Amino acid sequence: MAEAEELFELVRSRYGARLTAEELAEVKSGVERITEMVQALRAFKLDARDEPMHQFRPYRSEEA
């Protein structure tokens, strides 16, 4: 969790004077959750040939 701690310290140094202890606790919790999601995304390895998923949109005539 070193990354989460570093990011939280960055937020606290910039905005800590304007936030209450309760708000800082909420920010810390949010930063930890986001960091966990980022780590999960980083763990998913992509090949150079992997393309983005295309969204399927069926054709709808303008009469509908």
PDB file of N, CA and C in Angstrom:
ATOM      1  N   MET A   1       0.815  -1.204   0.000  1.00  0.00           N
ATOM      2  CA  MET A   1       0.000   0.000   0.000  1.00  0.00           C
ATOM      3  C   MET A   1       0.851   1.259   0.000  1.00  0.00           C
ATOM      4  N   ALA A   2       2.094   1.148  -0.334  1.00  0.00           N
ATOM      5  CA  ALA A   2       2.964   2.326  -0.352  1.00  0.00           C
ATOM      6  C   ALA A   2       2.453   3.353  -1.358  1.00  0.00           C
ATOM      7  N   GLU A   3       1.939   2.892  -2.485  1.00  0.00           N
ATOM      8  CA  GLU A   3       1.431   3.814  -3.498  1.00  0.00           C
ATOM      9  C   GLU A   3       0.235   4.600  -2.962  1.00  0.00           C
ATOM     10  N   ALA A   4      -0.674   3.916  -2.284  1.00  0.00           N
ATOM     11  CA  ALA A   4      -1.850   4.584  -1.721  1.00  0.00           C
ATOM     12  C   ALA A   4      -1.433   5.609  -0.677  1.00  0.00           C
ATOM     13  N   GLU A   5      -0.459   5.264   0.136  1.00  0.00           N
ATOM     14  CA  GLU A   5       0.006   6.196   1.165  1.00  0.00           C
ATOM     15  C   GLU A   5       0.632   7.440   0.542  1.00  0.00           C
ATOM     16  N   GLU A   6       1.415   7.245  -0.503  1.00  0.00           N
ATOM     17  CA  GLU A   6       2.039   8.385  -1.183  1.00  0.00           C
ATOM     18  C   GLU A   6       0.990   9.294  -1.811  1.00  0.00           C
ATOM     19  N   LEU A   7      -0.003   8.695  -2.453  1.00  0.00           N
ATOM     20  CA  LEU A   7      -1.057   9.492  -3.076  1.00  0.00           C
ATOM     21  C   LEU A   7      -1.885  10.235  -2.028  1.00  0.00           C
ATOM     22  N   PHE A   8      -2.180   9.556  -0.927  1.00  0.00           N
ATOM     23  CA  PHE A   8      -2.935  10.216   0.138  1.00  0.00           C
ATOM     24  C   PHE A   8      -2.141  11.377   0.721  1.00  0.00           C
ATOM     25  N   GLU A   9      -0.856  11.197   0.916  1.00  0.00           N
ATOM     26  CA  GLU A   9      -0.025  12.284   1.448  1.00  0.00           C
ATOM     27  C   GLU A   9      -0.007  13.472   0.494  1.00  0.00           C
ATOM     28  N   LEU A  10      -0.036  13.206  -0.790  1.00  0.00           N
ATOM     29  CA  LEU A  10      -0.097  14.280  -1.780  1.00  0.00           C
ATOM     30  C   LEU A  10      -1.396  15.073  -1.628  1.00  0.00           C
ATOM     31  N   VAL A  11      -2.504  14.359  -1.515  1.00  0.00           N
ATOM     32  CA  VAL A  11      -3.800  15.018  -1.333  1.00  0.00           C
ATOM     33  C   VAL A  11      -3.823  15.784  -0.018  1.00  0.00           C
ATOM     34  N   ARG A  12      -3.327  15.153   1.025  1.00  0.00           N
ATOM     35  CA  ARG A  12      -3.339  15.801   2.343  1.00  0.00           C
ATOM     36  C   ARG A  12      -2.480  17.057   2.354  1.00  0.00           C
ATOM     37  N   SER A  13      -1.335  17.021   1.686  1.00  0.00           N
ATOM     38  CA  SER A  13      -0.467  18.201   1.667  1.00  0.00           C
ATOM     39  C   SER A  13      -1.104  19.346   0.888  1.00  0.00           C
ATOM     40  N   ARG A  14      -1.877  19.024  -0.138  1.00  0.00           N
ATOM     41  CA  ARG A  14      -2.505  20.074  -0.951  1.00  0.00           C
ATOM     42  C   ARG A  14      -3.813  20.592  -0.354  1.00  0.00           C
ATOM     43  N   TYR A  15      -4.613  19.699   0.208  1.00  0.00           N
ATOM     44  CA  TYR A  15      -5.966  20.070   0.623  1.00  0.00           C
ATOM     45  C   TYR A  15      -6.263  19.817   2.097  1.00  0.00           C
ATOM     46  N   GLY A  16      -5.306  19.298   2.832  1.00  0.00           N
ATOM     47  CA  GLY A  16      -5.539  18.922   4.222  1.00  0.00           C
ATOM     48  C   GLY A  16      -6.025  20.052   5.106  1.00  0.00           C
ATOM     49  N   ALA A  17      -5.575  21.264   4.853  1.00  0.00           N
ATOM     50  CA  ALA A  17      -5.980  22.399   5.684  1.00  0.00           C
ATOM     51  C   ALA A  17      -7.463  22.716   5.511  1.00  0.00           C
ATOM     52  N   ARG A  18      -8.050  22.305   4.407  1.00  0.00           N
ATOM     53  CA  ARG A  18      -9.462  22.596   4.134  1.00  0.00           C
ATOM     54  C   ARG A  18     -10.395  21.450   4.502  1.00  0.00           C
ATOM     55  N   LEU A  19      -9.832  20.317   4.888  1.00  0.00           N
ATOM     56  CA  LEU A  19     -10.646  19.136   5.165  1.00  0.00           C
ATOM     57  C   LEU A  19     -10.632  18.792   6.645  1.00  0.00           C
ATOM     58  N   THR A  20     -11.749  18.268   7.120  1.00  0.00           N
ATOM     59  CA  THR A  20     -11.828  17.800   8.504  1.00  0.00           C
ATOM     60  C   THR A  20     -11.171  16.423   8.594  1.00  0.00           C
ATOM     61  N   ALA A  21     -10.976  15.961   9.817  1.00  0.00           N
ATOM     62  CA  ALA A  21     -10.392  14.632  10.022  1.00  0.00           C
ATOM     63  C   ALA A  21     -11.283  13.557   9.402  1.00  0.00           C
ATOM     64  N   GLU A  22     -12.592  13.740   9.509  1.00  0.00           N
ATOM     65  CA  GLU A  22     -13.535  12.772   8.935  1.00  0.00           C
ATOM     66  C   GLU A  22     -13.437  12.760   7.409  1.00  0.00           C
ATOM     67  N   GLU A  23     -13.339  13.928   6.810  1.00  0.00           N
ATOM     68  CA  GLU A  23     -13.213  14.012   5.357  1.00  0.00           C
ATOM     69  C   GLU A  23     -11.896  13.407   4.886  1.00  0.00           C
ATOM     70  N   LEU A  24     -10.833  13.648   5.636  1.00  0.00           N
ATOM     71  CA  LEU A  24      -9.539  13.052   5.286  1.00  0.00           C
ATOM     72  C   LEU A  24      -9.601  11.529   5.352  1.00  0.00           C
ATOM     73  N   ALA A  25     -10.320  11.007   6.350  1.00  0.00           N
ATOM     74  CA  ALA A  25     -10.469   9.553   6.465  1.00  0.00           C
ATOM     75  C   ALA A  25     -11.215   8.993   5.254  1.00  0.00           C
ATOM     76  N   GLU A  26     -12.242   9.719   4.789  1.00  0.00           N
ATOM     77  CA  GLU A  26     -12.977   9.287   3.600  1.00  0.00           C
ATOM     78  C   GLU A  26     -12.090   9.330   2.362  1.00  0.00           C
ATOM     79  N   VAL A  27     -11.290  10.378   2.249  1.00  0.00           N
ATOM     80  CA  VAL A  27     -10.374  10.497   1.113  1.00  0.00           C
ATOM     81  C   VAL A  27      -9.373   9.347   1.133  1.00  0.00           C
ATOM     82  N   LYS A  28      -8.834   9.053   2.308  1.00  0.00           N
ATOM     83  CA  LYS A  28      -7.852   7.966   2.422  1.00  0.00           C
ATOM     84  C   LYS A  28      -8.470   6.639   1.998  1.00  0.00           C
ATOM     85  N   SER A  29      -9.696   6.395   2.434  1.00  0.00           N
ATOM     86  CA  SER A  29     -10.385   5.163   2.060  1.00  0.00           C
ATOM     87  C   SER A  29     -10.602   5.101   0.550  1.00  0.00           C
ATOM     88  N   GLY A  30     -10.996   6.220  -0.040  1.00  0.00           N
ATOM     89  CA  GLY A  30     -11.197   6.269  -1.486  1.00  0.00           C
ATOM     90  C   GLY A  30      -9.917   6.040  -2.259  1.00  0.00           C
ATOM     91  N   VAL A  31      -8.840   6.646  -1.800  1.00  0.00           N
ATOM     92  CA  VAL A  31      -7.541   6.470  -2.459  1.00  0.00           C
ATOM     93  C   VAL A  31      -7.110   5.008  -2.385  1.00  0.00           C
ATOM     94  N   GLU A  32      -7.340   4.368  -1.251  1.00  0.00           N
ATOM     95  CA  GLU A  32      -6.973   2.952  -1.105  1.00  0.00           C
ATOM     96  C   GLU A  32      -7.777   2.078  -2.064  1.00  0.00           C
ATOM     97  N   ARG A  33      -9.089   2.355  -2.186  1.00  0.00           N
ATOM     98  CA  ARG A  33      -9.929   1.565  -3.102  1.00  0.00           C
ATOM     99  C   ARG A  33      -9.487   1.762  -4.550  1.00  0.00           C
ATOM    100  N   ILE A  34      -9.232   3.002  -4.921  1.00  0.00           N
ATOM    101  CA  ILE A  34      -8.804   3.283  -6.297  1.00  0.00           C
ATOM    102  C   ILE A  34      -7.470   2.611  -6.586  1.00  0.00           C
ATOM    103  N   THR A  35      -6.555   2.655  -5.628  1.00  0.00           N
ATOM    104  CA  THR A  35      -5.243   2.037  -5.810  1.00  0.00           C
ATOM    105  C   THR A  35      -5.371   0.525  -5.989  1.00  0.00           C
ATOM    106  N   GLU A  36      -6.283  -0.101  -5.251  1.00  0.00           N
ATOM    107  CA  GLU A  36      -6.512  -1.539  -5.409  1.00  0.00           C
ATOM    108  C   GLU A  36      -7.023  -1.854  -6.817  1.00  0.00           C
ATOM    109  N   MET A  37      -7.943  -1.026  -7.323  1.00  0.00           N
ATOM    110  CA  MET A  37      -8.465  -1.243  -8.677  1.00  0.00           C
ATOM    111  C   MET A  37      -7.371  -1.048  -9.720  1.00  0.00           C
ATOM    112  N   VAL A  38      -6.530  -0.056  -9.518  1.00  0.00           N
ATOM    113  CA  VAL A  38      -5.429   0.199 -10.448  1.00  0.00           C
ATOM    114  C   VAL A  38      -4.474  -0.989 -10.469  1.00  0.00           C
ATOM    115  N   GLN A  39      -4.183  -1.545  -9.311  1.00  0.00           N
ATOM    116  CA  GLN A  39      -3.287  -2.701  -9.250  1.00  0.00           C
ATOM    117  C   GLN A  39      -3.887  -3.892  -9.990  1.00  0.00           C
ATOM    118  N   ALA A  40      -5.203  -4.072  -9.873  1.00  0.00           N
ATOM    119  CA  ALA A  40      -5.863  -5.167 -10.596  1.00  0.00           C
ATOM    120  C   ALA A  40      -5.766  -4.947 -12.103  1.00  0.00           C
ATOM    121  N   LEU A  41      -5.940  -3.714 -12.547  1.00  0.00           N
ATOM    122  CA  LEU A  41      -5.817  -3.421 -13.977  1.00  0.00           C
ATOM    123  C   LEU A  41      -4.391  -3.630 -14.465  1.00  0.00           C
ATOM    124  N   ARG A  42      -3.430  -3.216 -13.673  1.00  0.00           N
ATOM    125  CA  ARG A  42      -2.025  -3.398 -14.057  1.00  0.00           C
ATOM    126  C   ARG A  42      -1.650  -4.873 -14.143  1.00  0.00           C
ATOM    127  N   ALA A  43      -2.286  -5.710 -13.335  1.00  0.00           N
ATOM    128  CA  ALA A  43      -1.971  -7.137 -13.313  1.00  0.00           C
ATOM    129  C   ALA A  43      -2.498  -7.856 -14.551  1.00  0.00           C
ATOM    130  N   PHE A  44      -3.458  -7.257 -15.240  1.00  0.00           N
ATOM    131  CA  PHE A  44      -4.034  -7.860 -16.439  1.00  0.00           C
ATOM    132  C   PHE A  44      -3.139  -7.519 -17.616  1.00  0.00           C
ATOM    133  N   LYS A  45      -2.387  -8.498 -18.057  1.00  0.00           N
ATOM    134  CA  LYS A  45      -1.409  -8.279 -19.121  1.00  0.00           C
ATOM    135  C   LYS A  45      -2.081  -8.276 -20.491  1.00  0.00           C
ATOM    136  N   LEU A  46      -1.723  -7.300 -21.277  1.00  0.00           N
ATOM    137  CA  LEU A  46      -2.214  -7.204 -22.644  1.00  0.00           C
ATOM    138  C   LEU A  46      -1.063  -7.434 -23.605  1.00  0.00           C
ATOM    139  N   ASP A  47      -1.376  -8.061 -24.703  1.00  0.00           N
ATOM    140  CA  ASP A  47      -0.412  -8.268 -25.764  1.00  0.00           C
ATOM    141  C   ASP A  47      -0.463  -7.049 -26.681  1.00  0.00           C
ATOM    142  N   ALA A  48       0.599  -6.802 -27.402  1.00  0.00           N
ATOM    143  CA  ALA A  48       0.637  -5.667 -28.318  1.00  0.00           C
ATOM    144  C   ALA A  48      -0.436  -5.779 -29.399  1.00  0.00           C
ATOM    145  N   ARG A  49      -0.901  -6.991 -29.660  1.00  0.00           N
ATOM    146  CA  ARG A  49      -1.925  -7.200 -30.692  1.00  0.00           C
ATOM    147  C   ARG A  49      -3.340  -7.064 -30.157  1.00  0.00           C
ATOM    148  N   ASP A  50      -3.502  -6.943 -28.851  1.00  0.00           N
ATOM    149  CA  ASP A  50      -4.841  -6.808 -28.272  1.00  0.00           C
ATOM    150  C   ASP A  50      -5.436  -5.458 -28.654  1.00  0.00           C
ATOM    151  N   GLU A  51      -6.659  -5.519 -29.137  1.00  0.00           N
ATOM    152  CA  GLU A  51      -7.345  -4.296 -29.536  1.00  0.00           C
ATOM    153  C   GLU A  51      -8.453  -3.984 -28.545  1.00  0.00           C
ATOM    154  N   PRO A  52      -8.877  -2.734 -28.510  1.00  0.00           N
ATOM    155  CA  PRO A  52      -9.987  -2.383 -27.621  1.00  0.00           C
ATOM    156  C   PRO A  52     -11.258  -3.109 -28.042  1.00  0.00           C
ATOM    157  N   MET A  53     -12.112  -3.371 -27.082  1.00  0.00           N
ATOM    158  CA  MET A  53     -13.383  -4.015 -27.371  1.00  0.00           C
ATOM    159  C   MET A  53     -14.290  -3.008 -28.074  1.00  0.00           C
ATOM    160  N   HIS A  54     -14.892  -3.453 -29.164  1.00  0.00           N
ATOM    161  CA  HIS A  54     -15.791  -2.572 -29.904  1.00  0.00           C
ATOM    162  C   HIS A  54     -17.201  -2.711 -29.357  1.00  0.00           C
ATOM    163  N   GLN A  55     -17.875  -1.610 -29.255  1.00  0.00           N
ATOM    164  CA  GLN A  55     -19.243  -1.632 -28.763  1.00  0.00           C
ATOM    165  C   GLN A  55     -20.193  -1.907 -29.924  1.00  0.00           C
ATOM    166  N   PHE A  56     -21.039  -2.917 -29.752  1.00  0.00           N
ATOM    167  CA  PHE A  56     -22.006  -3.275 -30.788  1.00  0.00           C
ATOM    168  C   PHE A  56     -23.199  -2.337 -30.711  1.00  0.00           C
ATOM    169  N   ARG A  57     -23.510  -1.697 -31.826  1.00  0.00           N
ATOM    170  CA  ARG A  57     -24.688  -0.832 -31.905  1.00  0.00           C
ATOM    171  C   ARG A  57     -25.504  -1.268 -33.116  1.00  0.00           C
ATOM    172  N   PRO A  58     -26.655  -1.864 -32.880  1.00  0.00           N
ATOM    173  CA  PRO A  58     -27.465  -2.316 -34.008  1.00  0.00           C
ATOM    174  C   PRO A  58     -27.987  -1.127 -34.809  1.00  0.00           C
ATOM    175  N   TYR A  59     -28.147  -1.360 -36.098  1.00  0.00           N
ATOM    176  CA  TYR A  59     -28.669  -0.309 -36.975  1.00  0.00           C
ATOM    177  C   TYR A  59     -30.142  -0.101 -36.683  1.00  0.00           C
ATOM    178  N   ARG A  60     -30.531   1.129 -36.565  1.00  0.00           N
ATOM    179  CA  ARG A  60     -31.947   1.464 -36.393  1.00  0.00           C
ATOM    180  C   ARG A  60     -32.303   2.479 -37.463  1.00  0.00           C
ATOM    181  N   SER A  61     -33.281   2.121 -38.245  1.00  0.00           N
ATOM    182  CA  SER A  61     -33.672   3.051 -39.308  1.00  0.00           C
ATOM    183  C   SER A  61     -34.243   4.317 -38.683  1.00  0.00           C
ATOM    184  N   GLU A  62     -34.214   5.368 -39.435  1.00  0.00           N
ATOM    185  CA  GLU A  62     -34.697   6.639 -38.916  1.00  0.00           C
ATOM    186  C   GLU A  62     -36.215   6.677 -38.828  1.00  0.00           C
ATOM    187  N   GLU A  63     -36.884   5.653 -39.361  1.00  0.00           N
ATOM    188  CA  GLU A  63     -38.344   5.586 -39.301  1.00  0.00           C
ATOM    189  C   GLU A  63     -38.838   5.172 -37.927  1.00  0.00           C
ATOM    190  N   ALA A  64     -37.998   4.555 -37.130  1.00  0.00           N
ATOM    191  CA  ALA A  64     -38.416   4.004 -35.840  1.00  0.00           C
ATOM    192  C   ALA A  64     -38.750   5.020 -34.831  1.00  0.00           C
TER     193      ALA A  64
END
